[in-house]
C-alpha atoms as a PDB file:
ATOM      1  CA  MET A   1      13.116  15.906  13.088  1.00  0.00           C
ATOM      2  CA  SER A   2      10.656  17.057  10.422  1.00  0.00           C
ATOM      3  CA  HIS A   3       7.491  15.285   9.364  1.00  0.00           C
ATOM      4  CA  LEU A   4       9.120  14.470   6.031  1.00  0.00           C
ATOM      5  CA  SER A   5      12.199  12.921   7.611  1.00  0.00           C
ATOM      6  CA  ASN A   6      10.018  10.938  10.047  1.00  0.00           C
ATOM      7  CA  ALA A   7       7.917   9.561   7.176  1.00  0.00           C
ATOM      8  CA  ALA A   8      11.050   8.734   5.164  1.00  0.00           C
ATOM      9  CA  GLU A   9      12.684   6.982   8.105  1.00  0.00           C
ATOM     10  CA  ALA A  10       9.536   4.951   8.769  1.00  0.00           C
ATOM     11  CA  MET A  11       9.481   3.819   5.135  1.00  0.00           C
ATOM     12  CA  ALA A  12      13.212   3.059   5.266  1.00  0.00           C
ATOM     13  CA  ALA A  13      12.715   0.879   8.355  1.00  0.00           C
ATOM     14  CA  VAL A  14      10.149  -1.155   6.411  1.00  0.00           C
ATOM     15  CA  ALA A  15      12.283  -1.322   3.243  1.00  0.00           C
ATOM     16  CA  ARG A  16      15.291  -2.639   5.159  1.00  0.00           C
ATOM     17  CA  THR A  17      13.433  -5.851   6.018  1.00  0.00           C
ATOM     18  CA  ILE A  18      11.599  -6.557   2.746  1.00  0.00           C
ATOM     19  CA  THR A  19      12.994  -9.690   1.168  1.00  0.00           C
ATOM     20  CA  ASP A  20      13.280 -10.267  -2.565  1.00  0.00           C
ATOM     21  CA  ASP A  21      10.764 -13.114  -2.351  1.00  0.00           C
ATOM     22  CA  GLN A  22       8.185 -10.576  -1.062  1.00  0.00           C
ATOM     23  CA  LEU A  23       8.424  -8.392  -4.189  1.00  0.00           C
ATOM     24  CA  ALA A  24       5.494 -10.263  -5.774  1.00  0.00           C
ATOM     25  CA  ASN A  25       3.221  -9.686  -2.729  1.00  0.00           C
ATOM     26  CA  LYS A  26       0.049  -7.701  -3.402  1.00  0.00           C
ATOM     27  CA  THR A  27      -0.294  -4.314  -1.700  1.00  0.00           C
ATOM     28  CA  PRO A  28      -3.372  -2.370  -0.555  1.00  0.00           C
ATOM     29  CA  CYS A  29      -2.555   0.095  -3.341  1.00  0.00           C
ATOM     30  CA  THR A  30      -4.376  -2.098  -5.859  1.00  0.00           C
ATOM     31  CA  GLU A  31      -2.432  -1.027  -8.940  1.00  0.00           C
ATOM     32  CA  TYR A  32       0.866  -2.179  -7.416  1.00  0.00           C
ATOM     33  CA  ASP A  33       2.468  -5.276  -6.032  1.00  0.00           C
ATOM     34  CA  VAL A  34       5.539  -4.665  -3.847  1.00  0.00           C
ATOM     35  CA  ARG A  35       7.897  -4.676  -6.881  1.00  0.00           C
ATOM     36  CA  ALA A  36       5.732  -2.207  -8.807  1.00  0.00           C
ATOM     37  CA  LEU A  37       5.416   0.040  -5.751  1.00  0.00           C
ATOM     38  CA  VAL A  38       9.197   0.044  -5.228  1.00  0.00           C
ATOM     39  CA  ASN A  39       9.526   0.789  -8.955  1.00  0.00           C
ATOM     40  CA  HIS A  40       7.043   3.687  -8.573  1.00  0.00           C
ATOM     41  CA  LEU A  41       9.069   5.138  -5.693  1.00  0.00           C
ATOM     42  CA  LEU A  42      12.372   4.775  -7.560  1.00  0.00           C
ATOM     43  CA  PHE A  43      10.879   6.272 -10.731  1.00  0.00           C
ATOM     44  CA  TRP A  44       9.343   9.384  -9.156  1.00  0.00           C
ATOM     45  CA  GLY A  45      11.609   9.803  -6.114  1.00  0.00           C
ATOM     46  CA  PRO A  46      14.350  11.797  -7.862  1.00  0.00           C
ATOM     47  CA  SER A  47      11.726  14.375  -8.919  1.00  0.00           C
ATOM     48  CA  LEU A  48      10.508  14.596  -5.324  1.00  0.00           C
ATOM     49  CA  ALA A  49      14.058  15.274  -4.164  1.00  0.00           C
ATOM     50  CA  GLY A  50      14.519  17.781  -6.987  1.00  0.00           C
ATOM     51  CA  GLY A  51      11.423  19.630  -5.792  1.00  0.00           C
ATOM     52  CA  GLY A  52      13.138  20.337  -2.483  1.00  0.00           C
ATOM     53  CA  ARG A  53      16.167  21.720  -4.313  1.00  0.00           C
ATOM     54  CA  LYS A  54      13.921  23.611  -6.751  1.00  0.00           C
ATOM     55  CA  GLU A  55      15.564  21.875  -9.697  1.00  0.00           C
ATOM     56  CA  SER A  56      14.118  19.834 -12.497  1.00  0.00           C
ATOM     57  CA  VAL A  57      15.261  16.222 -12.523  1.00  0.00           C
ATOM     58  CA  PRO A  58      14.857  14.275 -15.756  1.00  0.00           C
ATOM     59  CA  GLN A  59      12.685  11.169 -15.550  1.00  0.00           C
ATOM     60  CA  PRO A  60      14.118   7.797 -16.505  1.00  0.00           C
ATOM     61  CA  ALA A  61      13.555   6.846 -20.143  1.00  0.00           C
ATOM     62  CA  GLY A  62      10.088   5.533 -20.925  1.00  0.00           C
ATOM     63  CA  THR A  63       7.078   5.373 -18.688  1.00  0.00           C
ATOM     64  CA  GLU A  64       6.817   4.188 -15.104  1.00  0.00           C
ATOM     65  CA  SER A  65       5.253   0.898 -16.220  1.00  0.00           C
ATOM     66  CA  GLU A  66       8.093   0.309 -18.717  1.00  0.00           C
ATOM     67  CA  ALA A  67      10.823   0.995 -16.174  1.00  0.00           C
ATOM     68  CA  ASP A  68      12.053  -1.957 -14.144  1.00  0.00           C
ATOM     69  CA  LEU A  69      13.999  -0.259 -11.395  1.00  0.00           C
ATOM     70  CA  ALA A  70      13.188  -2.786  -8.656  1.00  0.00           C
ATOM     71  CA  VAL A  71      16.096  -5.046  -9.633  1.00  0.00           C
ATOM     72  CA  GLY A  72      19.646  -5.514  -8.387  1.00  0.00           C
ATOM     73  CA  ASP A  73      20.321  -3.458  -5.272  1.00  0.00           C
ATOM     74  CA  TRP A  74      16.843  -1.882  -5.309  1.00  0.00           C
ATOM     75  CA  ARG A  75      16.872  -1.642  -1.499  1.00  0.00           C
ATOM     76  CA  GLY A  76      20.143   0.305  -1.403  1.00  0.00           C
ATOM     77  CA  ARG A  77      18.897   2.650  -4.129  1.00  0.00           C
ATOM     78  CA  LEU A  78      15.592   3.173  -2.319  1.00  0.00           C
ATOM     79  CA  LEU A  79      17.314   3.919   0.997  1.00  0.00           C
ATOM     80  CA  ALA A  80      19.702   6.360  -0.734  1.00  0.00           C
ATOM     81  CA  LEU A  81      16.748   7.997  -2.459  1.00  0.00           C
ATOM     82  CA  LEU A  82      14.882   8.422   0.831  1.00  0.00           C
ATOM     83  CA  ASP A  83      18.019  10.063   2.271  1.00  0.00           C
ATOM     84  CA  ASP A  84      18.200  12.360  -0.773  1.00  0.00           C
ATOM     85  CA  ILE A  85      14.541  13.360  -0.460  1.00  0.00           C
ATOM     86  CA  THR A  86      15.027  14.072   3.243  1.00  0.00           C
ATOM     87  CA  SER A  87      18.181  16.140   2.762  1.00  0.00           C
ATOM     88  CA  SER A  88      16.769  18.097  -0.171  1.00  0.00           C
ATOM     89  CA  TRP A  89      13.764  19.200   1.913  1.00  0.00           C
ATOM     90  CA  ALA A  90      15.772  19.816   5.121  1.00  0.00           C
ATOM     91  CA  PRO A  91      16.711  23.486   4.501  1.00  0.00           C
ATOM     92  CA  PRO A  92      13.948  25.939   5.493  1.00  0.00           C
ATOM     93  CA  GLY A  93      14.193  27.499   2.010  1.00  0.00           C
ATOM     94  CA  ALA A  94      12.969  24.269   0.446  1.00  0.00           C
ATOM     95  CA  TRP A  95       9.542  24.975   1.957  1.00  0.00           C
ATOM     96  CA  GLU A  96       9.360  28.528   0.568  1.00  0.00           C
ATOM     97  CA  GLY A  97       8.142  29.797  -2.784  1.00  0.00           C
ATOM     98  CA  GLU A  98       7.092  27.581  -5.673  1.00  0.00           C
ATOM     99  CA  THR A  99       8.519  24.294  -6.879  1.00  0.00           C
ATOM    100  CA  SER A 100       7.593  21.324  -9.036  1.00  0.00           C
ATOM    101  CA  MET A 101       8.212  17.642  -9.628  1.00  0.00           C
ATOM    102  CA  GLY A 102      10.069  18.387 -12.854  1.00  0.00           C
ATOM    103  CA  THR A 103       6.937  19.465 -14.726  1.00  0.00           C
ATOM    104  CA  PRO A 104       6.090  22.938 -16.029  1.00  0.00           C
ATOM    105  CA  GLN A 105       3.317  23.226 -13.417  1.00  0.00           C
ATOM    106  CA  THR A 106       4.466  24.574 -10.089  1.00  0.00           C
ATOM    107  CA  LEU A 107       2.914  24.312  -6.664  1.00  0.00           C
ATOM    108  CA  PRO A 108       3.597  26.175  -3.459  1.00  0.00           C
ATOM    109  CA  ALA A 109       6.556  24.354  -1.908  1.00  0.00           C
ATOM    110  CA  PRO A 110       4.672  23.596   1.347  1.00  0.00           C
ATOM    111  CA  VAL A 111       1.903  21.910  -0.667  1.00  0.00           C
ATOM    112  CA  LEU A 112       4.348  19.709  -2.590  1.00  0.00           C
ATOM    113  CA  GLY A 113       6.323  18.979   0.584  1.00  0.00           C
ATOM    114  CA  ASP A 114       3.166  17.857   2.380  1.00  0.00           C
ATOM    115  CA  MET A 115       2.186  15.724  -0.619  1.00  0.00           C
ATOM    116  CA  ILE A 116       5.547  13.983  -0.311  1.00  0.00           C
ATOM    117  CA  VAL A 117       5.045  13.422   3.420  1.00  0.00           C
ATOM    118  CA  GLY A 118       1.711  11.781   2.630  1.00  0.00           C
ATOM    119  CA  GLU A 119       3.172   9.750  -0.236  1.00  0.00           C
ATOM    120  CA  LEU A 120       5.944   8.364   1.970  1.00  0.00           C
ATOM    121  CA  ALA A 121       3.607   7.592   4.863  1.00  0.00           C
ATOM    122  CA  LEU A 122       0.851   5.961   2.793  1.00  0.00           C
ATOM    123  CA  HIS A 123       3.173   3.972   0.558  1.00  0.00           C
ATOM    124  CA  GLY A 124       5.246   3.081   3.612  1.00  0.00           C
ATOM    125  CA  TRP A 125       2.081   1.601   5.111  1.00  0.00           C
ATOM    126  CA  ASP A 126       1.321  -0.187   1.817  1.00  0.00           C
ATOM    127  CA  LEU A 127       4.771  -1.808   1.873  1.00  0.00           C
ATOM    128  CA  ALA A 128       4.542  -2.621   5.571  1.00  0.00           C
ATOM    129  CA  VAL A 129       1.221  -4.448   5.482  1.00  0.00           C
ATOM    130  CA  ALA A 130       2.101  -6.194   2.209  1.00  0.00           C
ATOM    131  CA  THR A 131       5.169  -7.681   3.886  1.00  0.00           C
ATOM    132  CA  GLY A 132       3.738  -8.423   7.344  1.00  0.00           C
ATOM    133  CA  GLN A 133       5.238  -5.404   9.106  1.00  0.00           C
ATOM    134  CA  GLN A 134       3.997  -2.425  11.111  1.00  0.00           C
ATOM    135  CA  LEU A 135       4.643   1.163  10.059  1.00  0.00           C
ATOM    136  CA  GLU A 136       5.719   3.249  13.057  1.00  0.00           C
ATOM    137  CA  LEU A 137       4.845   6.940  12.716  1.00  0.00           C
ATOM    138  CA  PRO A 138       5.071   9.533  15.520  1.00  0.00           C
ATOM    139  CA  ALA A 139       1.796  10.912  16.903  1.00  0.00           C
ATOM    140  CA  ASP A 140       2.540  14.492  15.779  1.00  0.00           C
ATOM    141  CA  LEU A 141       3.138  13.279  12.203  1.00  0.00           C
ATOM    142  CA  LEU A 142      -0.150  11.348  12.266  1.00  0.00           C
ATOM    143  CA  THR A 143      -2.004  14.433  13.500  1.00  0.00           C
ATOM    144  CA  HIS A 144      -0.396  16.503  10.733  1.00  0.00           C
ATOM    145  CA  LEU A 145      -1.298  13.916   8.074  1.00  0.00           C
ATOM    146  CA  HIS A 146      -4.870  13.664   9.329  1.00  0.00           C
ATOM    147  CA  ASP A 147      -5.338  17.439   9.260  1.00  0.00           C
ATOM    148  CA  ARG A 148      -3.868  17.629   5.740  1.00  0.00           C
ATOM    149  CA  ALA A 149      -5.977  14.698   4.536  1.00  0.00           C
ATOM    150  CA  LEU A 150      -9.147  16.361   5.824  1.00  0.00           C
ATOM    151  CA  THR A 151      -8.415  19.591   3.956  1.00  0.00           C
ATOM    152  CA  GLY A 152      -7.149  18.051   0.704  1.00  0.00           C
ATOM    153  CA  VAL A 153      -8.937  14.734   0.325  1.00  0.00           C
ATOM    154  CA  GLU A 154     -11.405  15.867  -2.349  1.00  0.00           C
ATOM    155  CA  GLN A 155      -8.642  17.433  -4.430  1.00  0.00           C
ATOM    156  CA  GLY A 156      -6.621  14.235  -3.979  1.00  0.00           C
ATOM    157  CA  ARG A 157      -9.549  12.178  -5.261  1.00  0.00           C
ATOM    158  CA  GLU A 158      -9.940  14.502  -8.266  1.00  0.00           C
ATOM    159  CA  MET A 159      -6.229  14.036  -9.049  1.00  0.00           C
ATOM    160  CA  GLY A 160      -6.586  10.248  -8.793  1.00  0.00           C
ATOM    161  CA  MET A 161      -4.301  10.053  -5.758  1.00  0.00           C
ATOM    162  CA  TYR A 162      -7.013   8.709  -3.440  1.00  0.00           C
ATOM    163  CA  GLY A 163      -9.810   6.213  -3.865  1.00  0.00           C
ATOM    164  CA  PRO A 164     -13.313   6.442  -2.455  1.00  0.00           C
ATOM    165  CA  GLU A 165     -13.419   6.854   1.312  1.00  0.00           C
ATOM    166  CA  VAL A 166     -13.457   3.654   3.367  1.00  0.00           C
ATOM    167  CA  ALA A 167     -15.714   3.923   6.427  1.00  0.00           C
ATOM    168  CA  VAL A 168     -13.684   3.860   9.637  1.00  0.00           C
ATOM    169  CA  PRO A 169     -15.061   4.424  13.161  1.00  0.00           C
ATOM    170  CA  THR A 170     -14.530   7.970  14.428  1.00  0.00           C
ATOM    171  CA  ASP A 171     -12.727   6.596  17.480  1.00  0.00           C
ATOM    172  CA  ALA A 172     -10.315   4.479  15.390  1.00  0.00           C
ATOM    173  CA  PRO A 173      -6.577   5.155  15.675  1.00  0.00           C
ATOM    174  CA  THR A 174      -5.433   8.218  13.721  1.00  0.00           C
ATOM    175  CA  LEU A 175      -3.565   6.145  11.133  1.00  0.00           C
ATOM    176  CA  ASP A 176      -6.707   4.110  10.430  1.00  0.00           C
ATOM    177  CA  ARG A 177      -8.733   7.306   9.953  1.00  0.00           C
ATOM    178  CA  ILE A 178      -6.100   8.670   7.547  1.00  0.00           C
ATOM    179  CA  LEU A 179      -6.125   5.405   5.610  1.00  0.00           C
ATOM    180  CA  GLY A 180      -9.927   5.433   5.379  1.00  0.00           C
ATOM    181  CA  LEU A 181      -9.996   9.064   4.218  1.00  0.00           C
ATOM    182  CA  THR A 182      -7.501   8.296   1.462  1.00  0.00           C
ATOM    183  CA  GLY A 183      -9.356   5.221   0.229  1.00  0.00           C
ATOM    184  CA  ARG A 184      -7.408   2.467   1.950  1.00  0.00           C
ATOM    185  CA  ASP A 185      -8.900  -0.213   4.165  1.00  0.00           C
ATOM    186  CA  PRO A 186      -7.004  -0.281   7.482  1.00  0.00           C
ATOM    187  CA  ALA A 187      -8.038  -3.934   7.876  1.00  0.00           C
ATOM    188  CA  TRP A 188      -6.484  -4.953   4.534  1.00  0.00           C
ATOM    189  CA  THR A 189      -4.654  -8.292   4.566  1.00  0.00           C
END
């Protein structure tokens, strides 16, 4: 199983148990409550899947904040989307060459693929802690994420993807160190 599919499955396991009454819960990702974070994933997810297929996927009408996608069977749509992202990045060719998230700017496919792995893992953790759950990620995925975070954290901050680093002990669990590097407090409640 690939890192991307492991991160997607971990997020799916969390999503399966989120209840509708938890949609208003705050998340560690300060700009989102659970509903807004689900909306964010549903809004951008088709472009992430399109990146694996090297095809441009049109965004929903309006902006992310105007879209209200976390309604109706949001859970079923999110689980289907996670499956689509996983299957679109499953072929080895998805990780070769250049691709994009439906914008004119392209990135090397491995860079975008790793960004998606990080997005699924970090937002999976956001959803988990916001709803009283644990995010279960394999050790090799955590090592991969930590190595990628170390090499790309400054660029991620410049792009607005990460907040200021949160101090975490050097002997903390790998997930906690990743969270701290990316601006999240592992002790958030």
